[in-house]
Amino acid sequence: MGIIEEVTKDALVEEMLINSANYSTAREYTVVFPFGTIGTRTQVLLGLKKRGMGVGLWNGFGGKIELGETFEECAHPMKHAGVLLMKRKDGYLMTIYVYTAHGVSGCIAESDEMEPKWFDVSELPYDGAYKEARLWWPAMLSGKAFVARFVFSHPDNIRYSIEWTDDAAIYEHAAQMGAID
């Protein structure tokens, strides 16, 4: 069983910056969570990852920013919900921009990478998702902008902080970590 410890933002910012001068290992990603309504129930569309990073886990949809693509182009017309700043044990840094899309409807189709499924927001598959999802998905579901920082000393050992912010500050936090210019 791992250790999940909530710590102060300042402690994590300092820890993320130590030995992180080489940002060639940093990657930026996006993840989108489509929301729809069936009757009075709000649902979110998740995908079961079939290959690559996160195989066998439920998550939103997204990936790497394409060369020459801006975040605005990648995410338009979705709502920017927050940002995840992560540092793995090996020093690999990830910045993941979280978006939501509301009022989604229509047919969903499985791809070679993801098997989509609608979930009631009160019945999300936390046990089948990344361990840190249970920490930040509620922040995303709240509708308030957030910045979540995670440091993994082992896949099951997580130090984290989550703070509420405004949309503009999301990019400022990522820039502070050296994730974006």
N, C-alpha and C. Protein backbone atom coordinates (compact mmCIF):
# COMPACT_ATOMS: atom_id res chain seq x y z
N MET A 1 0.85 -1.18 0.00
CA MET A 1 0.00 0.00 0.00
C MET A 1 0.89 1.24 0.00
N GLY A 2 0.56 2.19 -0.82
CA GLY A 2 1.37 3.39 -0.93
C GLY A 2 1.00 4.45 0.10
N ILE A 3 1.71 5.54 0.02
CA ILE A 3 1.50 6.66 0.92
C ILE A 3 1.05 7.85 0.08
N ILE A 4 -0.07 8.44 0.45
CA ILE A 4 -0.55 9.66 -0.20
C ILE A 4 -0.55 10.74 0.86
N GLU A 5 0.23 11.80 0.61
CA GLU A 5 0.43 12.83 1.62
C GLU A 5 0.14 14.20 1.02
N GLU A 6 -0.79 14.94 1.63
CA GLU A 6 -1.05 16.30 1.20
C GLU A 6 -0.03 17.21 1.89
N VAL A 7 0.63 18.05 1.10
CA VAL A 7 1.64 18.96 1.63
C VAL A 7 1.36 20.36 1.11
N THR A 8 2.16 21.34 1.55
CA THR A 8 1.95 22.71 1.09
C THR A 8 2.43 22.89 -0.34
N LYS A 9 1.82 23.83 -1.01
CA LYS A 9 2.22 24.16 -2.38
C LYS A 9 3.69 24.52 -2.42
N ASP A 10 4.16 25.35 -1.48
CA ASP A 10 5.55 25.80 -1.49
C ASP A 10 6.53 24.64 -1.38
N ALA A 11 6.21 23.64 -0.56
CA ALA A 11 7.09 22.48 -0.42
C ALA A 11 7.20 21.74 -1.74
N LEU A 12 6.10 21.60 -2.46
CA LEU A 12 6.15 20.88 -3.73
C LEU A 12 6.83 21.69 -4.83
N VAL A 13 6.58 23.00 -4.87
CA VAL A 13 7.24 23.82 -5.88
C VAL A 13 8.76 23.71 -5.72
N GLU A 14 9.23 23.80 -4.49
CA GLU A 14 10.66 23.68 -4.24
C GLU A 14 11.17 22.30 -4.65
N GLU A 15 10.45 21.26 -4.28
CA GLU A 15 10.88 19.89 -4.61
C GLU A 15 10.87 19.66 -6.12
N MET A 16 9.90 20.25 -6.82
CA MET A 16 9.83 20.06 -8.27
C MET A 16 10.98 20.78 -8.97
N LEU A 17 11.43 21.88 -8.42
CA LEU A 17 12.50 22.64 -9.05
C LEU A 17 13.88 22.05 -8.77
N ILE A 18 14.05 21.36 -7.64
CA ILE A 18 15.35 20.75 -7.31
C ILE A 18 15.69 19.71 -8.37
N ASN A 19 16.87 19.80 -8.92
CA ASN A 19 17.35 18.87 -9.94
C ASN A 19 16.47 18.85 -11.19
N SER A 20 15.76 19.93 -11.44
CA SER A 20 14.89 19.98 -12.60
C SER A 20 15.36 21.01 -13.62
N ALA A 21 16.63 21.34 -13.60
CA ALA A 21 17.14 22.34 -14.53
C ALA A 21 17.06 21.84 -15.96
N ASN A 22 17.12 20.53 -16.17
CA ASN A 22 17.06 19.97 -17.51
C ASN A 22 15.61 19.72 -17.89
N TYR A 23 14.99 20.71 -18.51
CA TYR A 23 13.60 20.57 -18.89
C TYR A 23 13.43 19.85 -20.22
N SER A 24 14.50 19.26 -20.75
CA SER A 24 14.34 18.47 -21.96
C SER A 24 13.51 17.24 -21.68
N THR A 25 13.38 16.87 -20.40
CA THR A 25 12.55 15.73 -20.05
C THR A 25 11.11 16.15 -19.76
N ALA A 26 10.80 17.43 -19.87
CA ALA A 26 9.45 17.92 -19.60
C ALA A 26 8.58 17.75 -20.84
N ARG A 27 7.34 17.34 -20.62
CA ARG A 27 6.38 17.20 -21.72
C ARG A 27 5.09 17.88 -21.33
N GLU A 28 4.40 18.39 -22.34
CA GLU A 28 3.11 19.02 -22.13
C GLU A 28 2.02 18.17 -22.79
N TYR A 29 0.92 18.02 -22.09
CA TYR A 29 -0.19 17.21 -22.58
C TYR A 29 -1.49 17.96 -22.33
N THR A 30 -2.54 17.49 -22.98
CA THR A 30 -3.89 17.97 -22.68
C THR A 30 -4.74 16.75 -22.38
N VAL A 31 -5.79 16.96 -21.59
CA VAL A 31 -6.78 15.91 -21.35
C VAL A 31 -8.14 16.59 -21.28
N VAL A 32 -9.12 15.98 -21.97
CA VAL A 32 -10.46 16.55 -22.07
C VAL A 32 -11.46 15.58 -21.45
N PHE A 33 -12.38 16.15 -20.67
CA PHE A 33 -13.45 15.37 -20.06
C PHE A 33 -14.78 15.88 -20.61
N PRO A 34 -15.40 15.13 -21.55
CA PRO A 34 -16.71 15.53 -22.10
C PRO A 34 -17.83 15.19 -21.11
N PHE A 35 -18.76 16.14 -20.92
CA PHE A 35 -19.89 15.95 -20.03
C PHE A 35 -21.18 16.00 -20.83
N GLY A 36 -22.13 15.19 -20.43
CA GLY A 36 -23.46 15.18 -21.03
C GLY A 36 -24.49 14.94 -19.95
N THR A 37 -25.76 15.04 -20.33
CA THR A 37 -26.84 14.82 -19.38
C THR A 37 -27.82 13.81 -19.95
N ILE A 38 -28.19 12.85 -19.12
CA ILE A 38 -29.24 11.90 -19.46
C ILE A 38 -30.32 12.09 -18.42
N GLY A 39 -31.45 12.63 -18.85
CA GLY A 39 -32.50 12.98 -17.88
C GLY A 39 -31.97 14.07 -16.97
N THR A 40 -31.92 13.77 -15.67
CA THR A 40 -31.38 14.73 -14.71
C THR A 40 -29.99 14.35 -14.24
N ARG A 41 -29.42 13.29 -14.80
CA ARG A 41 -28.11 12.79 -14.37
C ARG A 41 -27.00 13.36 -15.24
N THR A 42 -26.00 13.95 -14.58
CA THR A 42 -24.82 14.43 -15.29
C THR A 42 -23.85 13.28 -15.43
N GLN A 43 -23.34 13.09 -16.64
CA GLN A 43 -22.40 12.02 -16.90
C GLN A 43 -21.14 12.58 -17.54
N VAL A 44 -20.05 11.83 -17.37
CA VAL A 44 -18.78 12.19 -18.00
C VAL A 44 -18.33 11.00 -18.84
N LEU A 45 -17.80 11.31 -20.01
CA LEU A 45 -17.30 10.27 -20.91
C LEU A 45 -15.83 10.02 -20.59
N LEU A 46 -15.52 8.78 -20.22
CA LEU A 46 -14.14 8.38 -19.97
C LEU A 46 -13.75 7.32 -20.99
N GLY A 47 -12.45 7.17 -21.17
CA GLY A 47 -11.95 6.15 -22.08
C GLY A 47 -11.05 5.18 -21.34
N LEU A 48 -11.25 3.89 -21.60
CA LEU A 48 -10.37 2.86 -21.06
C LEU A 48 -9.21 2.73 -22.03
N LYS A 49 -8.02 3.04 -21.57
CA LYS A 49 -6.82 3.07 -22.42
C LYS A 49 -6.46 1.64 -22.82
N LYS A 50 -6.31 1.41 -24.12
CA LYS A 50 -6.04 0.08 -24.64
C LYS A 50 -4.57 -0.15 -25.00
N ARG A 51 -3.81 0.95 -25.13
CA ARG A 51 -2.38 0.81 -25.46
C ARG A 51 -1.64 2.06 -25.00
N GLY A 52 -0.32 1.96 -24.90
CA GLY A 52 0.50 3.11 -24.53
C GLY A 52 0.44 3.41 -23.04
N MET A 53 0.84 4.64 -22.69
CA MET A 53 0.86 5.08 -21.30
C MET A 53 -0.55 5.00 -20.71
N GLY A 54 -0.68 4.38 -19.54
CA GLY A 54 -1.96 4.29 -18.87
C GLY A 54 -2.85 3.16 -19.34
N VAL A 55 -2.28 2.17 -20.04
CA VAL A 55 -3.08 1.05 -20.54
C VAL A 55 -3.84 0.40 -19.39
N GLY A 56 -5.13 0.11 -19.63
CA GLY A 56 -5.98 -0.52 -18.63
C GLY A 56 -6.59 0.43 -17.63
N LEU A 57 -6.38 1.75 -17.80
CA LEU A 57 -6.90 2.74 -16.85
C LEU A 57 -7.92 3.65 -17.53
N TRP A 58 -8.91 4.10 -16.75
CA TRP A 58 -9.90 5.06 -17.23
C TRP A 58 -9.33 6.47 -17.10
N ASN A 59 -9.59 7.29 -18.11
CA ASN A 59 -9.11 8.68 -18.10
C ASN A 59 -9.94 9.48 -19.09
N GLY A 60 -9.64 10.77 -19.15
CA GLY A 60 -10.23 11.62 -20.18
C GLY A 60 -9.51 11.35 -21.50
N PHE A 61 -9.77 12.21 -22.48
CA PHE A 61 -9.20 12.02 -23.82
C PHE A 61 -8.22 13.14 -24.12
N GLY A 62 -7.17 12.83 -24.80
CA GLY A 62 -6.21 13.88 -25.15
C GLY A 62 -4.87 13.30 -25.51
N GLY A 63 -3.86 14.10 -25.25
CA GLY A 63 -2.52 13.66 -25.58
C GLY A 63 -1.57 14.83 -25.68
N LYS A 64 -0.53 14.62 -26.48
CA LYS A 64 0.51 15.62 -26.63
C LYS A 64 0.04 16.77 -27.52
N ILE A 65 0.58 17.95 -27.26
CA ILE A 65 0.36 19.10 -28.12
C ILE A 65 1.17 18.87 -29.39
N GLU A 66 0.56 19.05 -30.53
CA GLU A 66 1.26 18.87 -31.81
C GLU A 66 2.24 20.02 -32.06
N LEU A 67 3.31 19.74 -32.75
CA LEU A 67 4.32 20.74 -33.08
C LEU A 67 3.65 21.90 -33.82
N GLY A 68 3.86 23.12 -33.33
CA GLY A 68 3.30 24.31 -33.94
C GLY A 68 1.86 24.61 -33.52
N GLU A 69 1.26 23.75 -32.72
CA GLU A 69 -0.10 23.93 -32.27
C GLU A 69 -0.10 24.70 -30.94
N THR A 70 -1.03 25.64 -30.79
CA THR A 70 -1.15 26.36 -29.52
C THR A 70 -2.15 25.61 -28.64
N PHE A 71 -2.13 25.92 -27.32
CA PHE A 71 -3.09 25.30 -26.42
C PHE A 71 -4.51 25.70 -26.81
N GLU A 72 -4.67 26.95 -27.25
CA GLU A 72 -5.99 27.43 -27.64
C GLU A 72 -6.51 26.65 -28.84
N GLU A 73 -5.65 26.37 -29.82
CA GLU A 73 -6.06 25.59 -30.99
C GLU A 73 -6.40 24.16 -30.60
N CYS A 74 -5.61 23.60 -29.71
CA CYS A 74 -5.81 22.23 -29.28
C CYS A 74 -7.13 22.07 -28.53
N ALA A 75 -7.49 23.04 -27.72
CA ALA A 75 -8.62 22.89 -26.81
C ALA A 75 -9.91 23.57 -27.25
N HIS A 76 -9.83 24.44 -28.25
CA HIS A 76 -11.03 25.20 -28.64
C HIS A 76 -12.14 24.23 -29.01
N PRO A 77 -13.37 24.42 -28.58
CA PRO A 77 -13.98 25.47 -27.77
C PRO A 77 -14.23 25.03 -26.33
N MET A 78 -13.37 24.26 -25.76
CA MET A 78 -13.58 23.71 -24.43
C MET A 78 -13.23 24.70 -23.32
N LYS A 79 -13.68 24.37 -22.09
CA LYS A 79 -13.40 25.20 -20.93
C LYS A 79 -12.14 24.69 -20.25
N HIS A 80 -11.23 25.61 -19.96
CA HIS A 80 -10.00 25.25 -19.24
C HIS A 80 -10.36 25.06 -17.78
N ALA A 81 -10.17 23.83 -17.27
CA ALA A 81 -10.56 23.52 -15.90
C ALA A 81 -9.41 23.63 -14.92
N GLY A 82 -8.20 23.29 -15.36
CA GLY A 82 -7.07 23.30 -14.44
C GLY A 82 -5.80 22.81 -15.09
N VAL A 83 -4.77 22.69 -14.27
CA VAL A 83 -3.49 22.19 -14.75
C VAL A 83 -2.92 21.24 -13.71
N LEU A 84 -2.29 20.17 -14.19
CA LEU A 84 -1.60 19.21 -13.34
C LEU A 84 -0.11 19.36 -13.60
N LEU A 85 0.66 19.54 -12.55
CA LEU A 85 2.12 19.62 -12.65
C LEU A 85 2.66 18.40 -11.92
N MET A 86 3.36 17.55 -12.65
CA MET A 86 3.79 16.27 -12.07
C MET A 86 5.28 16.05 -12.27
N LYS A 87 5.87 15.45 -11.25
CA LYS A 87 7.28 15.06 -11.33
C LYS A 87 7.39 13.62 -10.87
N ARG A 88 7.92 12.77 -11.77
CA ARG A 88 8.13 11.37 -11.41
C ARG A 88 9.46 11.20 -10.70
N LYS A 89 9.65 10.03 -10.13
CA LYS A 89 10.88 9.70 -9.40
C LYS A 89 12.12 9.88 -10.28
N ASP A 90 12.00 9.56 -11.58
CA ASP A 90 13.14 9.67 -12.49
C ASP A 90 13.40 11.10 -12.95
N GLY A 91 12.64 12.08 -12.42
CA GLY A 91 12.84 13.48 -12.76
C GLY A 91 12.01 13.95 -13.94
N TYR A 92 11.32 13.03 -14.61
CA TYR A 92 10.49 13.38 -15.76
C TYR A 92 9.36 14.31 -15.30
N LEU A 93 9.23 15.45 -15.97
CA LEU A 93 8.21 16.45 -15.62
C LEU A 93 7.09 16.44 -16.64
N MET A 94 5.86 16.55 -16.15
CA MET A 94 4.71 16.61 -17.04
C MET A 94 3.83 17.79 -16.62
N THR A 95 3.37 18.52 -17.60
CA THR A 95 2.35 19.53 -17.40
C THR A 95 1.15 19.07 -18.21
N ILE A 96 0.02 18.89 -17.54
CA ILE A 96 -1.18 18.40 -18.21
C ILE A 96 -2.27 19.45 -18.04
N TYR A 97 -2.72 20.00 -19.15
CA TYR A 97 -3.78 21.00 -19.13
C TYR A 97 -5.12 20.26 -19.22
N VAL A 98 -5.98 20.51 -18.23
CA VAL A 98 -7.25 19.81 -18.11
C VAL A 98 -8.38 20.69 -18.64
N TYR A 99 -9.19 20.12 -19.54
CA TYR A 99 -10.31 20.84 -20.14
C TYR A 99 -11.59 20.05 -19.93
N THR A 100 -12.71 20.76 -19.92
CA THR A 100 -14.01 20.12 -19.90
C THR A 100 -14.83 20.62 -21.09
N ALA A 101 -15.71 19.77 -21.56
CA ALA A 101 -16.62 20.13 -22.64
C ALA A 101 -18.02 19.72 -22.18
N HIS A 102 -18.93 20.67 -22.12
CA HIS A 102 -20.27 20.40 -21.60
C HIS A 102 -21.30 20.36 -22.72
N GLY A 103 -22.37 19.61 -22.49
CA GLY A 103 -23.43 19.50 -23.48
C GLY A 103 -23.08 18.55 -24.62
N VAL A 104 -22.18 17.62 -24.37
CA VAL A 104 -21.75 16.68 -25.40
C VAL A 104 -22.84 15.62 -25.61
N SER A 105 -23.11 15.30 -26.85
CA SER A 105 -24.09 14.26 -27.17
C SER A 105 -23.67 13.60 -28.47
N GLY A 106 -24.39 12.57 -28.84
CA GLY A 106 -24.12 11.88 -30.09
C GLY A 106 -23.58 10.48 -29.84
N CYS A 107 -23.20 9.84 -30.92
CA CYS A 107 -22.70 8.48 -30.85
C CYS A 107 -21.22 8.48 -30.48
N ILE A 108 -20.84 7.54 -29.66
CA ILE A 108 -19.43 7.38 -29.33
C ILE A 108 -18.95 6.10 -29.99
N ALA A 109 -17.68 6.09 -30.35
CA ALA A 109 -17.13 4.92 -31.03
C ALA A 109 -15.78 4.56 -30.44
N GLU A 110 -15.54 3.29 -30.32
CA GLU A 110 -14.27 2.79 -29.82
C GLU A 110 -13.19 2.99 -30.89
N SER A 111 -11.98 3.28 -30.44
CA SER A 111 -10.85 3.41 -31.36
C SER A 111 -9.82 2.34 -31.00
N ASP A 112 -8.72 2.31 -31.72
CA ASP A 112 -7.68 1.33 -31.40
C ASP A 112 -6.95 1.69 -30.11
N GLU A 113 -7.17 2.92 -29.60
CA GLU A 113 -6.49 3.36 -28.38
C GLU A 113 -7.41 3.44 -27.16
N MET A 114 -8.69 3.77 -27.36
CA MET A 114 -9.59 4.00 -26.23
C MET A 114 -10.94 3.32 -26.44
N GLU A 115 -11.49 2.79 -25.33
CA GLU A 115 -12.85 2.25 -25.29
C GLU A 115 -13.68 3.22 -24.46
N PRO A 116 -14.55 4.03 -25.10
CA PRO A 116 -15.29 5.06 -24.36
C PRO A 116 -16.50 4.49 -23.62
N LYS A 117 -16.82 5.13 -22.49
CA LYS A 117 -18.00 4.74 -21.71
C LYS A 117 -18.45 5.93 -20.88
N TRP A 118 -19.77 6.15 -20.82
CA TRP A 118 -20.35 7.20 -20.00
C TRP A 118 -20.48 6.72 -18.56
N PHE A 119 -20.14 7.60 -17.59
CA PHE A 119 -20.26 7.31 -16.16
C PHE A 119 -21.03 8.45 -15.50
N ASP A 120 -21.94 8.11 -14.58
CA ASP A 120 -22.54 9.14 -13.73
C ASP A 120 -21.41 9.75 -12.91
N VAL A 121 -21.43 11.06 -12.71
CA VAL A 121 -20.34 11.71 -11.97
C VAL A 121 -20.27 11.23 -10.53
N SER A 122 -21.36 10.67 -10.01
CA SER A 122 -21.35 10.15 -8.64
C SER A 122 -20.81 8.71 -8.57
N GLU A 123 -20.51 8.12 -9.73
CA GLU A 123 -20.06 6.73 -9.77
C GLU A 123 -18.81 6.56 -10.64
N LEU A 124 -17.85 7.44 -10.47
CA LEU A 124 -16.63 7.38 -11.29
C LEU A 124 -15.76 6.20 -10.88
N PRO A 125 -15.06 5.59 -11.82
CA PRO A 125 -14.26 4.38 -11.55
C PRO A 125 -12.87 4.72 -10.99
N TYR A 126 -12.84 5.32 -9.81
CA TYR A 126 -11.56 5.72 -9.22
C TYR A 126 -10.60 4.55 -9.08
N ASP A 127 -11.11 3.36 -8.73
CA ASP A 127 -10.23 2.20 -8.56
C ASP A 127 -9.62 1.74 -9.87
N GLY A 128 -10.19 2.15 -11.00
CA GLY A 128 -9.67 1.76 -12.30
C GLY A 128 -8.97 2.90 -13.03
N ALA A 129 -8.62 3.96 -12.28
CA ALA A 129 -7.98 5.14 -12.87
C ALA A 129 -6.60 5.33 -12.24
N TYR A 130 -5.85 6.31 -12.74
CA TYR A 130 -4.58 6.65 -12.10
C TYR A 130 -4.83 6.95 -10.62
N LYS A 131 -3.89 6.58 -9.76
CA LYS A 131 -4.05 6.77 -8.31
C LYS A 131 -4.35 8.21 -7.94
N GLU A 132 -3.72 9.16 -8.63
CA GLU A 132 -3.92 10.57 -8.28
C GLU A 132 -5.26 11.12 -8.75
N ALA A 133 -5.98 10.38 -9.61
CA ALA A 133 -7.28 10.85 -10.11
C ALA A 133 -8.25 11.11 -8.98
N ARG A 134 -8.24 10.25 -7.95
CA ARG A 134 -9.17 10.44 -6.84
C ARG A 134 -8.89 11.74 -6.08
N LEU A 135 -7.70 12.30 -6.29
CA LEU A 135 -7.34 13.56 -5.63
C LEU A 135 -7.77 14.77 -6.45
N TRP A 136 -7.61 14.72 -7.78
CA TRP A 136 -7.89 15.92 -8.57
C TRP A 136 -9.18 15.86 -9.36
N TRP A 137 -9.76 14.69 -9.65
CA TRP A 137 -11.05 14.67 -10.37
C TRP A 137 -12.12 15.45 -9.62
N PRO A 138 -12.22 15.35 -8.27
CA PRO A 138 -13.23 16.18 -7.58
C PRO A 138 -13.01 17.67 -7.80
N ALA A 139 -11.76 18.11 -7.89
CA ALA A 139 -11.48 19.52 -8.18
C ALA A 139 -12.02 19.89 -9.56
N MET A 140 -11.79 19.03 -10.54
CA MET A 140 -12.29 19.27 -11.89
C MET A 140 -13.82 19.30 -11.89
N LEU A 141 -14.43 18.37 -11.17
CA LEU A 141 -15.89 18.29 -11.14
C LEU A 141 -16.53 19.48 -10.45
N SER A 142 -15.78 20.18 -9.59
CA SER A 142 -16.32 21.33 -8.86
C SER A 142 -16.62 22.51 -9.78
N GLY A 143 -15.97 22.55 -10.93
CA GLY A 143 -16.16 23.67 -11.84
C GLY A 143 -15.28 24.86 -11.55
N LYS A 144 -14.48 24.78 -10.48
CA LYS A 144 -13.55 25.87 -10.14
C LYS A 144 -12.20 25.57 -10.78
N ALA A 145 -11.50 26.60 -11.25
CA ALA A 145 -10.16 26.42 -11.81
C ALA A 145 -9.20 25.99 -10.70
N PHE A 146 -8.28 25.10 -11.03
CA PHE A 146 -7.37 24.57 -10.02
C PHE A 146 -5.98 24.32 -10.59
N VAL A 147 -5.01 24.27 -9.69
CA VAL A 147 -3.65 23.84 -10.01
C VAL A 147 -3.34 22.71 -9.04
N ALA A 148 -3.00 21.54 -9.57
CA ALA A 148 -2.65 20.40 -8.73
C ALA A 148 -1.21 20.00 -9.01
N ARG A 149 -0.44 19.85 -7.95
CA ARG A 149 0.97 19.46 -8.07
C ARG A 149 1.15 18.09 -7.44
N PHE A 150 1.90 17.22 -8.14
CA PHE A 150 2.15 15.87 -7.65
C PHE A 150 3.62 15.54 -7.80
N VAL A 151 4.20 14.95 -6.76
CA VAL A 151 5.56 14.42 -6.82
C VAL A 151 5.46 12.95 -6.44
N PHE A 152 5.95 12.09 -7.34
CA PHE A 152 5.90 10.65 -7.13
C PHE A 152 7.29 10.16 -6.77
N SER A 153 7.48 9.67 -5.54
CA SER A 153 8.76 9.08 -5.16
C SER A 153 8.77 7.59 -5.47
N HIS A 154 7.61 7.06 -5.75
CA HIS A 154 7.37 5.66 -6.09
C HIS A 154 5.98 5.68 -6.73
N PRO A 155 5.65 4.76 -7.61
CA PRO A 155 4.32 4.83 -8.23
C PRO A 155 3.16 4.92 -7.22
N ASP A 156 3.34 4.35 -6.03
CA ASP A 156 2.27 4.38 -5.04
C ASP A 156 2.47 5.44 -3.96
N ASN A 157 3.57 6.18 -3.99
CA ASN A 157 3.83 7.22 -3.00
C ASN A 157 3.69 8.59 -3.66
N ILE A 158 2.71 9.34 -3.21
CA ILE A 158 2.36 10.61 -3.85
C ILE A 158 2.34 11.72 -2.80
N ARG A 159 3.07 12.79 -3.08
CA ARG A 159 2.96 14.03 -2.30
C ARG A 159 2.24 15.02 -3.22
N TYR A 160 1.26 15.74 -2.68
CA TYR A 160 0.47 16.59 -3.56
C TYR A 160 -0.04 17.84 -2.85
N SER A 161 -0.41 18.80 -3.68
CA SER A 161 -1.15 19.97 -3.21
C SER A 161 -2.11 20.38 -4.32
N ILE A 162 -3.26 20.88 -3.92
CA ILE A 162 -4.26 21.37 -4.88
C ILE A 162 -4.71 22.73 -4.39
N GLU A 163 -4.70 23.69 -5.29
CA GLU A 163 -5.17 25.02 -4.92
C GLU A 163 -6.14 25.53 -5.97
N TRP A 164 -7.08 26.35 -5.52
CA TRP A 164 -8.04 26.98 -6.41
C TRP A 164 -7.41 28.25 -6.95
N THR A 165 -7.71 28.57 -8.18
CA THR A 165 -7.12 29.74 -8.82
C THR A 165 -8.11 30.27 -9.85
N ASP A 166 -7.67 31.19 -10.68
CA ASP A 166 -8.52 31.63 -11.79
C ASP A 166 -7.90 31.16 -13.09
N ASP A 167 -8.66 31.24 -14.16
CA ASP A 167 -8.20 30.69 -15.44
C ASP A 167 -6.85 31.26 -15.88
N ALA A 168 -6.67 32.56 -15.77
CA ALA A 168 -5.41 33.18 -16.22
C ALA A 168 -4.23 32.68 -15.40
N ALA A 169 -4.44 32.44 -14.13
CA ALA A 169 -3.35 32.01 -13.25
C ALA A 169 -2.88 30.59 -13.56
N ILE A 170 -3.70 29.80 -14.23
CA ILE A 170 -3.30 28.43 -14.58
C ILE A 170 -2.02 28.47 -15.40
N TYR A 171 -1.97 29.34 -16.41
CA TYR A 171 -0.79 29.43 -17.25
C TYR A 171 0.40 30.01 -16.49
N GLU A 172 0.13 30.93 -15.56
CA GLU A 172 1.21 31.50 -14.76
C GLU A 172 1.89 30.43 -13.90
N HIS A 173 1.10 29.53 -13.33
CA HIS A 173 1.66 28.46 -12.51
C HIS A 173 2.51 27.52 -13.36
N ALA A 174 2.04 27.20 -14.55
CA ALA A 174 2.82 26.32 -15.43
C ALA A 174 4.11 27.00 -15.86
N ALA A 175 4.06 28.27 -16.17
CA ALA A 175 5.27 29.01 -16.54
C ALA A 175 6.26 29.07 -15.39
N GLN A 176 5.74 29.22 -14.17
CA GLN A 176 6.59 29.24 -12.98
C GLN A 176 7.41 27.95 -12.86
N MET A 177 6.81 26.85 -13.27
CA MET A 177 7.49 25.55 -13.17
C MET A 177 8.40 25.31 -14.37
N GLY A 178 8.43 26.26 -15.29
CA GLY A 178 9.29 26.08 -16.46
C GLY A 178 8.63 25.26 -17.54
N ALA A 179 7.35 24.97 -17.38
CA ALA A 179 6.68 24.13 -18.36
C ALA A 179 6.41 24.85 -19.67
N ILE A 180 6.11 26.15 -19.57
CA ILE A 180 5.84 26.93 -20.78
C ILE A 180 6.60 28.23 -20.69
N ASP A 181 6.83 28.84 -21.83
CA ASP A 181 7.54 30.13 -21.87
C ASP A 181 6.56 31.27 -21.71
